[in-house]
N, C-alpha and C. Protein backbone atom coordinates (compact mmCIF):
# COMPACT_ATOMS: atom_id res chain seq x y z
N UNK A 1 -63.62 137.57 30.44
CA UNK A 1 -62.28 137.52 29.88
C UNK A 1 -61.27 137.20 30.98
N UNK A 2 -60.26 136.40 30.64
CA UNK A 2 -59.21 136.04 31.61
C UNK A 2 -57.94 136.87 31.39
N UNK A 3 -58.03 137.90 30.55
CA UNK A 3 -56.84 138.68 30.21
C UNK A 3 -56.23 139.41 31.40
N UNK A 4 -57.05 139.69 32.41
CA UNK A 4 -56.56 140.46 33.56
C UNK A 4 -55.73 139.61 34.52
N UNK A 5 -55.67 138.31 34.29
CA UNK A 5 -54.97 137.41 35.20
C UNK A 5 -53.82 136.72 34.48
N UNK A 6 -52.70 136.49 35.16
CA UNK A 6 -51.56 135.82 34.52
C UNK A 6 -51.81 134.31 34.43
N UNK A 7 -51.35 133.67 33.35
CA UNK A 7 -51.52 132.22 33.22
C UNK A 7 -50.47 131.41 33.95
N UNK A 8 -49.49 132.09 34.55
CA UNK A 8 -48.35 131.41 35.17
C UNK A 8 -48.73 130.36 36.21
N UNK A 9 -49.68 130.64 37.14
CA UNK A 9 -50.02 129.62 38.13
C UNK A 9 -50.55 128.33 37.51
N UNK A 10 -51.32 128.44 36.44
CA UNK A 10 -51.89 127.25 35.80
C UNK A 10 -50.84 126.48 35.01
N UNK A 11 -50.02 127.23 34.26
CA UNK A 11 -48.93 126.58 33.52
C UNK A 11 -47.94 125.95 34.50
N UNK A 12 -47.61 126.69 35.56
CA UNK A 12 -46.71 126.17 36.58
C UNK A 12 -47.27 124.93 37.24
N UNK A 13 -48.59 124.89 37.45
CA UNK A 13 -49.22 123.71 38.05
C UNK A 13 -49.08 122.49 37.16
N UNK A 14 -49.22 122.67 35.85
CA UNK A 14 -49.05 121.56 34.92
C UNK A 14 -47.61 121.05 34.95
N UNK A 15 -46.65 121.98 34.92
CA UNK A 15 -45.23 121.60 34.95
C UNK A 15 -44.89 120.86 36.23
N UNK A 16 -45.36 121.38 37.36
CA UNK A 16 -45.03 120.78 38.65
C UNK A 16 -45.63 119.38 38.81
N UNK A 17 -46.85 119.19 38.33
CA UNK A 17 -47.45 117.86 38.45
C UNK A 17 -46.72 116.85 37.57
N UNK A 18 -46.25 117.29 36.40
CA UNK A 18 -45.48 116.38 35.54
C UNK A 18 -44.16 116.00 36.21
N UNK A 19 -43.46 116.99 36.76
CA UNK A 19 -42.18 116.72 37.42
C UNK A 19 -42.37 115.91 38.69
N UNK A 20 -43.43 116.22 39.44
CA UNK A 20 -43.71 115.46 40.66
C UNK A 20 -44.11 114.02 40.33
N UNK A 21 -44.79 113.85 39.21
CA UNK A 21 -45.13 112.49 38.75
C UNK A 21 -43.87 111.71 38.43
N UNK A 22 -42.90 112.39 37.81
CA UNK A 22 -41.62 111.75 37.52
C UNK A 22 -40.89 111.38 38.81
N UNK A 23 -40.93 112.30 39.80
CA UNK A 23 -40.29 112.02 41.08
C UNK A 23 -40.97 110.83 41.77
N UNK A 24 -42.29 110.75 41.64
CA UNK A 24 -43.01 109.63 42.23
C UNK A 24 -42.60 108.30 41.62
N UNK A 25 -42.36 108.29 40.31
CA UNK A 25 -41.91 107.06 39.65
C UNK A 25 -40.48 106.71 40.07
N UNK A 26 -39.65 107.74 40.26
CA UNK A 26 -38.28 107.50 40.73
C UNK A 26 -38.28 106.89 42.12
N UNK A 27 -39.17 107.42 42.98
CA UNK A 27 -39.27 106.93 44.36
C UNK A 27 -40.05 105.62 44.45
N UNK A 28 -40.81 105.29 43.40
CA UNK A 28 -41.66 104.11 43.44
C UNK A 28 -42.81 104.27 44.40
N UNK A 29 -43.31 105.51 44.53
CA UNK A 29 -44.39 105.83 45.46
C UNK A 29 -45.72 105.88 44.70
N UNK A 30 -46.56 104.88 44.91
CA UNK A 30 -47.83 104.80 44.19
C UNK A 30 -48.77 105.94 44.57
N UNK A 31 -48.77 106.33 45.85
CA UNK A 31 -49.66 107.41 46.30
C UNK A 31 -49.31 108.72 45.61
N UNK A 32 -48.03 109.03 45.51
CA UNK A 32 -47.59 110.26 44.86
C UNK A 32 -47.93 110.24 43.37
N UNK A 33 -47.81 109.08 42.76
CA UNK A 33 -48.13 108.95 41.33
C UNK A 33 -49.62 109.22 41.10
N UNK A 34 -50.47 108.60 41.90
CA UNK A 34 -51.92 108.76 41.73
C UNK A 34 -52.36 110.20 41.97
N UNK A 35 -51.82 110.83 43.02
CA UNK A 35 -52.18 112.21 43.35
C UNK A 35 -51.79 113.15 42.22
N UNK A 36 -50.61 112.97 41.67
CA UNK A 36 -50.14 113.88 40.63
C UNK A 36 -50.79 113.63 39.28
N UNK A 37 -51.26 112.41 39.03
CA UNK A 37 -52.05 112.17 37.81
C UNK A 37 -53.35 112.95 37.89
N UNK A 38 -54.00 112.89 39.06
CA UNK A 38 -55.25 113.66 39.26
C UNK A 38 -54.97 115.15 39.20
N UNK A 39 -53.87 115.58 39.85
CA UNK A 39 -53.50 116.99 39.83
C UNK A 39 -53.20 117.50 38.43
N UNK A 40 -52.55 116.68 37.63
CA UNK A 40 -52.27 117.05 36.24
C UNK A 40 -53.56 117.25 35.46
N UNK A 41 -54.51 116.35 35.63
CA UNK A 41 -55.80 116.46 34.92
C UNK A 41 -56.54 117.72 35.32
N UNK A 42 -56.54 118.03 36.62
CA UNK A 42 -57.23 119.23 37.11
C UNK A 42 -56.58 120.49 36.56
N UNK A 43 -55.25 120.54 36.59
CA UNK A 43 -54.54 121.72 36.08
C UNK A 43 -54.74 121.92 34.58
N UNK A 44 -54.82 120.83 33.84
CA UNK A 44 -55.08 120.93 32.40
C UNK A 44 -56.47 121.50 32.15
N UNK A 45 -57.46 121.05 32.94
CA UNK A 45 -58.82 121.58 32.80
C UNK A 45 -58.84 123.08 33.09
N UNK A 46 -58.18 123.49 34.18
CA UNK A 46 -58.10 124.92 34.53
C UNK A 46 -57.45 125.71 33.40
N UNK A 47 -56.37 125.16 32.83
CA UNK A 47 -55.64 125.85 31.78
C UNK A 47 -56.50 125.99 30.53
N UNK A 48 -57.26 124.96 30.20
CA UNK A 48 -58.13 125.01 29.02
C UNK A 48 -59.22 126.06 29.20
N UNK A 49 -59.82 126.11 30.39
CA UNK A 49 -60.86 127.10 30.67
C UNK A 49 -60.28 128.51 30.62
N UNK A 50 -59.09 128.68 31.20
CA UNK A 50 -58.42 129.98 31.19
C UNK A 50 -58.14 130.42 29.75
N UNK A 51 -57.66 129.49 28.93
CA UNK A 51 -57.35 129.79 27.53
C UNK A 51 -58.62 130.11 26.74
N UNK A 52 -59.71 129.42 27.05
CA UNK A 52 -60.97 129.61 26.33
C UNK A 52 -61.48 131.04 26.47
N UNK A 53 -61.31 131.61 27.67
CA UNK A 53 -61.83 132.95 27.95
C UNK A 53 -60.82 134.06 27.67
N UNK A 54 -59.68 133.70 27.10
CA UNK A 54 -58.67 134.71 26.77
C UNK A 54 -58.95 135.31 25.39
N UNK A 55 -58.52 136.55 25.20
CA UNK A 55 -58.68 137.20 23.90
C UNK A 55 -57.63 136.69 22.92
N UNK A 56 -57.79 137.03 21.64
CA UNK A 56 -56.88 136.56 20.61
C UNK A 56 -55.42 136.91 20.86
N UNK A 57 -55.09 138.20 21.08
CA UNK A 57 -53.69 138.57 21.34
C UNK A 57 -53.12 137.91 22.60
N UNK A 58 -53.98 137.77 23.63
CA UNK A 58 -53.50 137.17 24.88
C UNK A 58 -53.25 135.67 24.71
N UNK A 59 -54.01 135.03 23.82
CA UNK A 59 -53.79 133.61 23.56
C UNK A 59 -52.40 133.37 22.97
N UNK A 60 -51.92 134.31 22.17
CA UNK A 60 -50.57 134.18 21.60
C UNK A 60 -49.52 134.21 22.70
N UNK A 61 -49.73 135.08 23.70
CA UNK A 61 -48.80 135.16 24.84
C UNK A 61 -48.84 133.86 25.65
N UNK A 62 -50.05 133.31 25.79
CA UNK A 62 -50.18 132.05 26.53
C UNK A 62 -49.41 130.94 25.83
N UNK A 63 -49.52 130.87 24.50
CA UNK A 63 -48.82 129.84 23.75
C UNK A 63 -47.31 129.99 23.86
N UNK A 64 -46.82 131.22 23.88
CA UNK A 64 -45.38 131.43 24.03
C UNK A 64 -44.89 130.94 25.39
N UNK A 65 -45.69 131.18 26.42
CA UNK A 65 -45.32 130.71 27.76
C UNK A 65 -45.42 129.20 27.86
N UNK A 66 -46.42 128.63 27.18
CA UNK A 66 -46.54 127.17 27.17
C UNK A 66 -45.33 126.55 26.48
N UNK A 67 -44.85 127.18 25.41
CA UNK A 67 -43.67 126.69 24.71
C UNK A 67 -42.44 126.69 25.59
N UNK A 68 -42.25 127.78 26.34
CA UNK A 68 -41.11 127.87 27.26
C UNK A 68 -41.22 126.82 28.35
N UNK A 69 -42.43 126.66 28.91
CA UNK A 69 -42.65 125.69 29.98
C UNK A 69 -42.43 124.26 29.48
N UNK A 70 -42.88 123.98 28.24
CA UNK A 70 -42.72 122.64 27.68
C UNK A 70 -41.24 122.32 27.45
N UNK A 71 -40.49 123.30 26.96
CA UNK A 71 -39.05 123.10 26.74
C UNK A 71 -38.33 122.84 28.06
N UNK A 72 -38.68 123.63 29.08
CA UNK A 72 -38.07 123.45 30.40
C UNK A 72 -38.41 122.07 30.97
N UNK A 73 -39.67 121.66 30.83
CA UNK A 73 -40.10 120.37 31.37
C UNK A 73 -39.37 119.22 30.69
N UNK A 74 -39.26 119.27 29.38
CA UNK A 74 -38.55 118.21 28.64
C UNK A 74 -37.08 118.15 29.03
N UNK A 75 -36.49 119.33 29.28
CA UNK A 75 -35.10 119.36 29.73
C UNK A 75 -34.93 118.70 31.08
N UNK A 76 -35.86 118.96 32.00
CA UNK A 76 -35.80 118.35 33.33
C UNK A 76 -35.99 116.84 33.26
N UNK A 77 -36.92 116.39 32.42
CA UNK A 77 -37.16 114.95 32.28
C UNK A 77 -35.95 114.26 31.65
N UNK A 78 -35.31 114.93 30.69
CA UNK A 78 -34.11 114.36 30.07
C UNK A 78 -32.99 114.25 31.09
N UNK A 79 -32.86 115.28 31.93
CA UNK A 79 -31.84 115.26 32.99
C UNK A 79 -32.07 114.08 33.93
N UNK A 80 -33.34 113.84 34.28
CA UNK A 80 -33.67 112.75 35.20
C UNK A 80 -33.28 111.39 34.63
N UNK A 81 -33.31 111.26 33.31
CA UNK A 81 -32.98 109.98 32.68
C UNK A 81 -31.48 109.73 32.60
N UNK A 82 -30.68 110.79 32.69
CA UNK A 82 -29.23 110.64 32.55
C UNK A 82 -28.48 110.80 33.88
N UNK A 83 -29.15 111.26 34.91
CA UNK A 83 -28.50 111.47 36.20
C UNK A 83 -28.20 110.14 36.89
N UNK A 84 -27.23 110.18 37.78
CA UNK A 84 -26.85 109.00 38.57
C UNK A 84 -28.05 108.53 39.39
N UNK A 85 -28.48 107.27 39.25
CA UNK A 85 -29.65 106.77 39.99
C UNK A 85 -29.53 106.93 41.50
N UNK A 86 -28.31 106.94 42.01
CA UNK A 86 -28.11 107.07 43.45
C UNK A 86 -28.33 108.50 43.94
N UNK A 87 -28.25 109.47 43.01
CA UNK A 87 -28.37 110.88 43.39
C UNK A 87 -29.63 111.56 42.84
N UNK A 88 -30.31 110.91 41.91
CA UNK A 88 -31.40 111.57 41.20
C UNK A 88 -32.57 111.94 42.11
N UNK A 89 -32.89 111.09 43.08
CA UNK A 89 -34.05 111.38 43.94
C UNK A 89 -33.86 112.69 44.69
N UNK A 90 -32.69 112.88 45.30
CA UNK A 90 -32.43 114.10 46.07
C UNK A 90 -32.33 115.31 45.15
N UNK A 91 -31.57 115.20 44.08
CA UNK A 91 -31.34 116.35 43.20
C UNK A 91 -32.60 116.76 42.45
N UNK A 92 -33.36 115.79 41.98
CA UNK A 92 -34.60 116.10 41.28
C UNK A 92 -35.61 116.70 42.25
N UNK A 93 -35.60 116.20 43.48
CA UNK A 93 -36.47 116.77 44.51
C UNK A 93 -36.12 118.21 44.82
N UNK A 94 -34.83 118.53 44.86
CA UNK A 94 -34.41 119.91 45.10
C UNK A 94 -34.78 120.82 43.93
N UNK A 95 -34.73 120.28 42.72
CA UNK A 95 -35.14 121.05 41.54
C UNK A 95 -36.62 121.42 41.64
N UNK A 96 -37.44 120.46 42.02
CA UNK A 96 -38.87 120.73 42.19
C UNK A 96 -39.10 121.73 43.32
N UNK A 97 -38.32 121.60 44.39
CA UNK A 97 -38.44 122.53 45.52
C UNK A 97 -38.14 123.95 45.08
N UNK A 98 -37.10 124.13 44.26
CA UNK A 98 -36.75 125.47 43.79
C UNK A 98 -37.88 126.09 42.97
N UNK A 99 -38.51 125.28 42.12
CA UNK A 99 -39.63 125.78 41.31
C UNK A 99 -40.81 126.15 42.21
N UNK A 100 -41.09 125.31 43.19
CA UNK A 100 -42.19 125.58 44.12
C UNK A 100 -41.96 126.85 44.92
N UNK A 101 -40.73 127.04 45.37
CA UNK A 101 -40.40 128.24 46.15
C UNK A 101 -40.62 129.50 45.31
N UNK A 102 -40.23 129.44 44.04
CA UNK A 102 -40.42 130.60 43.16
C UNK A 102 -41.90 130.91 42.98
N UNK A 103 -42.71 129.88 42.73
CA UNK A 103 -44.13 130.08 42.50
C UNK A 103 -44.87 130.50 43.76
N UNK A 104 -44.57 129.81 44.87
CA UNK A 104 -45.27 130.10 46.13
C UNK A 104 -44.80 131.43 46.72
N UNK A 105 -43.50 131.71 46.63
CA UNK A 105 -42.96 132.92 47.24
C UNK A 105 -43.08 134.16 46.40
N UNK A 106 -43.57 134.04 45.17
CA UNK A 106 -43.68 135.19 44.27
C UNK A 106 -44.50 136.35 44.86
N UNK A 107 -45.65 136.08 45.52
CA UNK A 107 -46.42 137.19 46.11
C UNK A 107 -45.65 137.99 47.15
N UNK A 108 -44.63 137.39 47.77
CA UNK A 108 -43.85 138.10 48.78
C UNK A 108 -42.97 139.19 48.17
N UNK A 109 -42.82 139.18 46.85
CA UNK A 109 -42.05 140.24 46.20
C UNK A 109 -42.74 141.59 46.35
N UNK A 110 -44.04 141.57 46.56
CA UNK A 110 -44.80 142.82 46.76
C UNK A 110 -45.01 143.13 48.23
N UNK A 111 -44.19 142.53 49.11
CA UNK A 111 -44.35 142.73 50.55
C UNK A 111 -44.20 144.20 50.94
N UNK A 112 -43.22 144.88 50.34
CA UNK A 112 -43.02 146.30 50.66
C UNK A 112 -44.22 147.14 50.30
N UNK A 113 -44.82 146.85 49.16
CA UNK A 113 -46.01 147.58 48.73
C UNK A 113 -47.20 147.29 49.64
N UNK A 114 -47.31 146.03 50.09
CA UNK A 114 -48.40 145.65 50.99
C UNK A 114 -48.29 146.40 52.31
N UNK A 115 -47.07 146.47 52.85
CA UNK A 115 -46.86 147.16 54.12
C UNK A 115 -47.10 148.66 53.96
N UNK A 116 -46.68 149.21 52.83
CA UNK A 116 -46.86 150.64 52.59
C UNK A 116 -48.34 151.00 52.47
N UNK A 117 -49.09 150.20 51.73
CA UNK A 117 -50.52 150.47 51.54
C UNK A 117 -51.38 149.93 52.67
N UNK A 118 -50.78 149.03 53.50
CA UNK A 118 -51.52 148.39 54.59
C UNK A 118 -52.77 147.69 54.07
N UNK A 119 -52.59 146.98 52.97
CA UNK A 119 -53.70 146.26 52.35
C UNK A 119 -53.17 145.06 51.59
N UNK A 120 -53.89 143.93 51.70
CA UNK A 120 -53.51 142.71 50.98
C UNK A 120 -54.28 142.57 49.68
N UNK A 121 -54.83 143.68 49.21
CA UNK A 121 -55.57 143.65 47.94
C UNK A 121 -54.64 143.18 46.82
N UNK A 122 -55.09 142.22 46.05
CA UNK A 122 -54.29 141.68 44.96
C UNK A 122 -53.68 140.33 45.27
N UNK A 123 -53.56 139.98 46.56
CA UNK A 123 -53.04 138.66 46.91
C UNK A 123 -54.16 137.62 46.76
N UNK A 124 -53.88 136.49 46.11
CA UNK A 124 -54.91 135.47 45.90
C UNK A 124 -55.14 134.62 47.15
N UNK A 125 -56.05 135.05 48.01
CA UNK A 125 -56.29 134.35 49.27
C UNK A 125 -56.68 132.88 49.07
N UNK A 126 -57.62 132.54 48.17
CA UNK A 126 -57.98 131.12 48.00
C UNK A 126 -56.80 130.24 47.61
N UNK A 127 -55.95 130.74 46.70
CA UNK A 127 -54.78 129.97 46.28
C UNK A 127 -53.78 129.79 47.41
N UNK A 128 -53.58 130.86 48.18
CA UNK A 128 -52.63 130.80 49.29
C UNK A 128 -53.13 129.85 50.37
N UNK A 129 -54.43 129.93 50.68
CA UNK A 129 -55.01 129.05 51.70
C UNK A 129 -54.95 127.59 51.27
N UNK A 130 -55.34 127.31 50.04
CA UNK A 130 -55.29 125.93 49.55
C UNK A 130 -53.86 125.42 49.48
N UNK A 131 -52.93 126.31 49.10
CA UNK A 131 -51.52 125.92 49.06
C UNK A 131 -50.98 125.58 50.44
N UNK A 132 -51.44 126.30 51.45
CA UNK A 132 -51.02 126.03 52.83
C UNK A 132 -51.51 124.66 53.28
N UNK A 133 -52.77 124.37 52.98
CA UNK A 133 -53.35 123.07 53.36
C UNK A 133 -52.63 121.92 52.65
N UNK A 134 -52.38 122.10 51.36
CA UNK A 134 -51.70 121.06 50.58
C UNK A 134 -50.28 120.83 51.08
N UNK A 135 -49.56 121.92 51.37
CA UNK A 135 -48.19 121.80 51.88
C UNK A 135 -48.16 121.08 53.22
N UNK A 136 -49.13 121.39 54.09
CA UNK A 136 -49.21 120.72 55.39
C UNK A 136 -49.49 119.23 55.23
N UNK A 137 -50.39 118.90 54.29
CA UNK A 137 -50.73 117.50 54.06
C UNK A 137 -49.53 116.71 53.52
N UNK A 138 -48.81 117.32 52.56
CA UNK A 138 -47.65 116.64 51.99
C UNK A 138 -46.51 116.53 53.00
N UNK A 139 -46.36 117.54 53.85
CA UNK A 139 -45.33 117.47 54.89
C UNK A 139 -45.63 116.33 55.85
N UNK A 140 -46.90 116.19 56.22
CA UNK A 140 -47.30 115.09 57.11
C UNK A 140 -47.06 113.74 56.43
N UNK A 141 -47.34 113.69 55.13
CA UNK A 141 -47.11 112.44 54.39
C UNK A 141 -45.62 112.12 54.31
N UNK A 142 -44.80 113.15 54.08
CA UNK A 142 -43.36 112.94 54.03
C UNK A 142 -42.80 112.42 55.34
N UNK A 143 -43.35 112.93 56.45
CA UNK A 143 -42.92 112.46 57.77
C UNK A 143 -43.34 111.00 57.97
N UNK A 144 -44.55 110.67 57.50
CA UNK A 144 -45.07 109.31 57.70
C UNK A 144 -44.26 108.27 56.93
N UNK A 145 -43.76 108.64 55.74
CA UNK A 145 -42.97 107.69 54.96
C UNK A 145 -41.47 107.88 55.19
N UNK A 146 -41.14 108.84 56.07
CA UNK A 146 -39.75 109.12 56.44
C UNK A 146 -38.88 109.46 55.22
N UNK A 147 -39.42 110.35 54.40
CA UNK A 147 -38.68 110.82 53.22
C UNK A 147 -38.28 112.27 53.45
N UNK A 148 -36.99 112.52 53.54
CA UNK A 148 -36.50 113.87 53.87
C UNK A 148 -36.81 114.88 52.77
N UNK A 149 -36.73 114.47 51.52
CA UNK A 149 -36.97 115.40 50.42
C UNK A 149 -38.40 115.93 50.48
N UNK A 150 -39.37 115.03 50.57
CA UNK A 150 -40.78 115.44 50.62
C UNK A 150 -41.07 116.24 51.88
N UNK A 151 -40.49 115.83 53.00
CA UNK A 151 -40.76 116.49 54.28
C UNK A 151 -40.24 117.92 54.30
N UNK A 152 -38.94 118.10 54.07
CA UNK A 152 -38.35 119.43 54.15
C UNK A 152 -38.85 120.35 53.03
N UNK A 153 -39.11 119.77 51.87
CA UNK A 153 -39.65 120.56 50.76
C UNK A 153 -40.96 121.21 51.16
N UNK A 154 -41.86 120.44 51.73
CA UNK A 154 -43.19 120.95 52.05
C UNK A 154 -43.23 121.72 53.37
N UNK A 155 -42.33 121.44 54.28
CA UNK A 155 -42.24 122.26 55.49
C UNK A 155 -41.82 123.68 55.14
N UNK A 156 -40.90 123.81 54.19
CA UNK A 156 -40.46 125.14 53.77
C UNK A 156 -41.58 125.88 53.04
N UNK A 157 -42.30 125.15 52.20
CA UNK A 157 -43.45 125.75 51.51
C UNK A 157 -44.54 126.14 52.50
N UNK A 158 -44.73 125.33 53.53
CA UNK A 158 -45.71 125.64 54.57
C UNK A 158 -45.33 126.93 55.29
N UNK A 159 -44.04 127.12 55.52
CA UNK A 159 -43.57 128.35 56.16
C UNK A 159 -43.87 129.56 55.28
N UNK A 160 -43.56 129.48 53.99
CA UNK A 160 -43.82 130.59 53.07
C UNK A 160 -45.31 130.91 52.99
N UNK A 161 -46.13 129.87 52.90
CA UNK A 161 -47.58 130.07 52.81
C UNK A 161 -48.13 130.67 54.10
N UNK A 162 -47.58 130.24 55.24
CA UNK A 162 -48.05 130.77 56.53
C UNK A 162 -47.71 132.25 56.67
N UNK A 163 -46.55 132.65 56.17
CA UNK A 163 -46.18 134.06 56.20
C UNK A 163 -47.16 134.88 55.39
N UNK A 164 -47.53 134.36 54.22
CA UNK A 164 -48.49 135.08 53.38
C UNK A 164 -49.87 135.12 54.03
N UNK A 165 -50.29 134.03 54.67
CA UNK A 165 -51.58 134.02 55.35
C UNK A 165 -51.61 135.01 56.50
N UNK A 166 -50.48 135.15 57.19
CA UNK A 166 -50.42 136.08 58.32
C UNK A 166 -50.66 137.52 57.88
N UNK A 167 -50.33 137.83 56.63
CA UNK A 167 -50.56 139.18 56.12
C UNK A 167 -52.05 139.50 56.08
N UNK A 168 -52.89 138.49 55.82
CA UNK A 168 -54.34 138.72 55.79
C UNK A 168 -54.88 138.97 57.19
N UNK A 169 -54.19 138.44 58.21
CA UNK A 169 -54.61 138.68 59.59
C UNK A 169 -54.19 140.08 60.06
N UNK A 170 -53.14 140.62 59.44
CA UNK A 170 -52.63 141.94 59.84
C UNK A 170 -53.30 143.05 59.05
N UNK A 171 -53.42 142.86 57.73
CA UNK A 171 -53.96 143.91 56.87
C UNK A 171 -55.26 143.43 56.20
N UNK A 172 -56.20 144.34 55.96
CA UNK A 172 -57.45 143.97 55.29
C UNK A 172 -57.23 143.72 53.80
N UNK A 173 -58.19 143.03 53.20
CA UNK A 173 -58.11 142.73 51.77
C UNK A 173 -58.89 143.75 50.96
N UNK A 174 -58.84 145.00 51.41
CA UNK A 174 -59.53 146.10 50.75
C UNK A 174 -58.55 147.23 50.50
N UNK A 175 -58.83 148.11 49.55
CA UNK A 175 -57.93 149.24 49.29
C UNK A 175 -57.78 150.11 50.53
N UNK A 176 -56.58 150.60 50.76
CA UNK A 176 -56.33 151.47 51.89
C UNK A 176 -57.00 152.82 51.69
N UNK A 177 -57.65 153.34 52.75
CA UNK A 177 -58.31 154.63 52.65
C UNK A 177 -57.32 155.77 52.47
N UNK A 178 -56.10 155.54 52.97
CA UNK A 178 -55.10 156.61 52.89
C UNK A 178 -54.71 156.93 51.46
N UNK A 179 -54.86 155.89 50.58
CA UNK A 179 -54.48 156.13 49.18
C UNK A 179 -55.52 156.94 48.45
N UNK A 180 -56.76 156.96 49.02
CA UNK A 180 -57.84 157.68 48.35
C UNK A 180 -57.98 159.11 48.82
N UNK A 181 -57.27 159.44 49.91
CA UNK A 181 -57.38 160.79 50.43
C UNK A 181 -56.56 161.75 49.60
N UNK A 182 -57.11 162.88 49.30
CA UNK A 182 -56.40 163.89 48.52
C UNK A 182 -56.11 165.08 49.41
N UNK A 183 -54.86 165.45 49.45
CA UNK A 183 -54.46 166.58 50.28
C UNK A 183 -54.62 167.86 49.48
N UNK A 184 -55.36 168.79 50.05
CA UNK A 184 -55.60 170.06 49.36
C UNK A 184 -54.34 170.89 49.35
N UNK A 185 -54.03 171.48 48.24
CA UNK A 185 -52.84 172.33 48.18
C UNK A 185 -52.95 173.50 49.15
N UNK A 186 -51.85 174.00 49.69
CA UNK A 186 -51.88 175.09 50.66
C UNK A 186 -52.57 176.34 50.13
N UNK A 187 -52.45 176.57 48.83
CA UNK A 187 -53.02 177.82 48.30
C UNK A 187 -54.54 177.80 48.36
N UNK A 188 -55.15 176.59 48.44
CA UNK A 188 -56.61 176.51 48.53
C UNK A 188 -57.09 177.12 49.84
N UNK A 189 -56.34 176.83 50.93
CA UNK A 189 -56.72 177.39 52.23
C UNK A 189 -56.57 178.90 52.23
N UNK A 190 -55.48 179.35 51.62
CA UNK A 190 -55.27 180.79 51.55
C UNK A 190 -56.36 181.46 50.73
N UNK A 191 -56.76 180.78 49.67
CA UNK A 191 -57.78 181.33 48.80
C UNK A 191 -59.12 181.43 49.52
N UNK A 192 -59.41 180.37 50.35
CA UNK A 192 -60.68 180.38 51.06
C UNK A 192 -60.72 181.44 52.14
N UNK A 193 -59.53 181.78 52.71
CA UNK A 193 -59.49 182.79 53.76
C UNK A 193 -59.42 184.20 53.21
N UNK A 194 -59.10 184.35 51.93
CA UNK A 194 -58.95 185.68 51.36
C UNK A 194 -60.31 186.26 51.02
N UNK A 195 -60.45 187.58 51.02
CA UNK A 195 -61.73 188.20 50.68
C UNK A 195 -62.11 187.92 49.24
N UNK A 196 -63.38 187.81 48.99
CA UNK A 196 -63.87 187.52 47.64
C UNK A 196 -63.66 188.73 46.75
N UNK A 197 -63.73 188.46 45.47
CA UNK A 197 -63.52 189.52 44.50
C UNK A 197 -64.60 190.58 44.58
N UNK A 198 -65.83 190.14 44.91
CA UNK A 198 -66.95 191.08 44.98
C UNK A 198 -66.75 192.09 46.10
N UNK A 199 -66.21 191.60 47.27
CA UNK A 199 -65.98 192.50 48.39
C UNK A 199 -64.90 193.52 48.04
N UNK A 200 -63.88 193.03 47.35
CA UNK A 200 -62.81 193.95 46.97
C UNK A 200 -63.33 195.00 46.01
N UNK A 201 -64.18 194.57 45.08
CA UNK A 201 -64.74 195.50 44.11
C UNK A 201 -65.63 196.53 44.78
N UNK A 202 -66.38 196.10 45.83
CA UNK A 202 -67.26 197.03 46.54
C UNK A 202 -66.44 198.12 47.23
N UNK A 203 -65.30 197.70 47.84
CA UNK A 203 -64.47 198.68 48.52
C UNK A 203 -63.92 199.69 47.53
N UNK A 204 -63.58 199.19 46.31
CA UNK A 204 -63.05 200.10 45.30
C UNK A 204 -64.12 201.07 44.84
N UNK A 205 -65.39 200.59 44.80
CA UNK A 205 -66.48 201.45 44.38
C UNK A 205 -66.79 202.48 45.47
């Protein structure tokens, strides 16, 4: 069952590849278009598999989130068609950057809990690692084509991903032992040091 996991990363991946595909067409970048077509297909496959293993009630929640994501995506695409052609590349790129920052930086919301427990349990290491590699590759590509939007967008994402990766180097990916320790109440020690009932009864006898 996939009920224990949120569908947001997969739905977000579909939305981002659609918007990035639109940005690629605005920029006239064939490489970006091809990459995002492949990325869209992969994310759709992941989403279908995730949906297949979901329970009935959870599938309803998935559909509601898909509806919200579809409405948002259509709104962004409509905006791209009406925006000033001279400004659309930068503004649409910043819109995609904002979405990426929210998705990539979301695990950092639990930073306080991670530091308190001294454990990275719950953080998706494979996703964070792959995201770091992808951000580095896109940043290098942005530098090679001298596109500021692609470059700065992915350098910032690379920074966020690197911060998350550094947490795995500092804290283990296992539950903290301190959370499993149970402190005995003070009265237990007093009880253990006190004479047993049998001894007291013997003295009375």
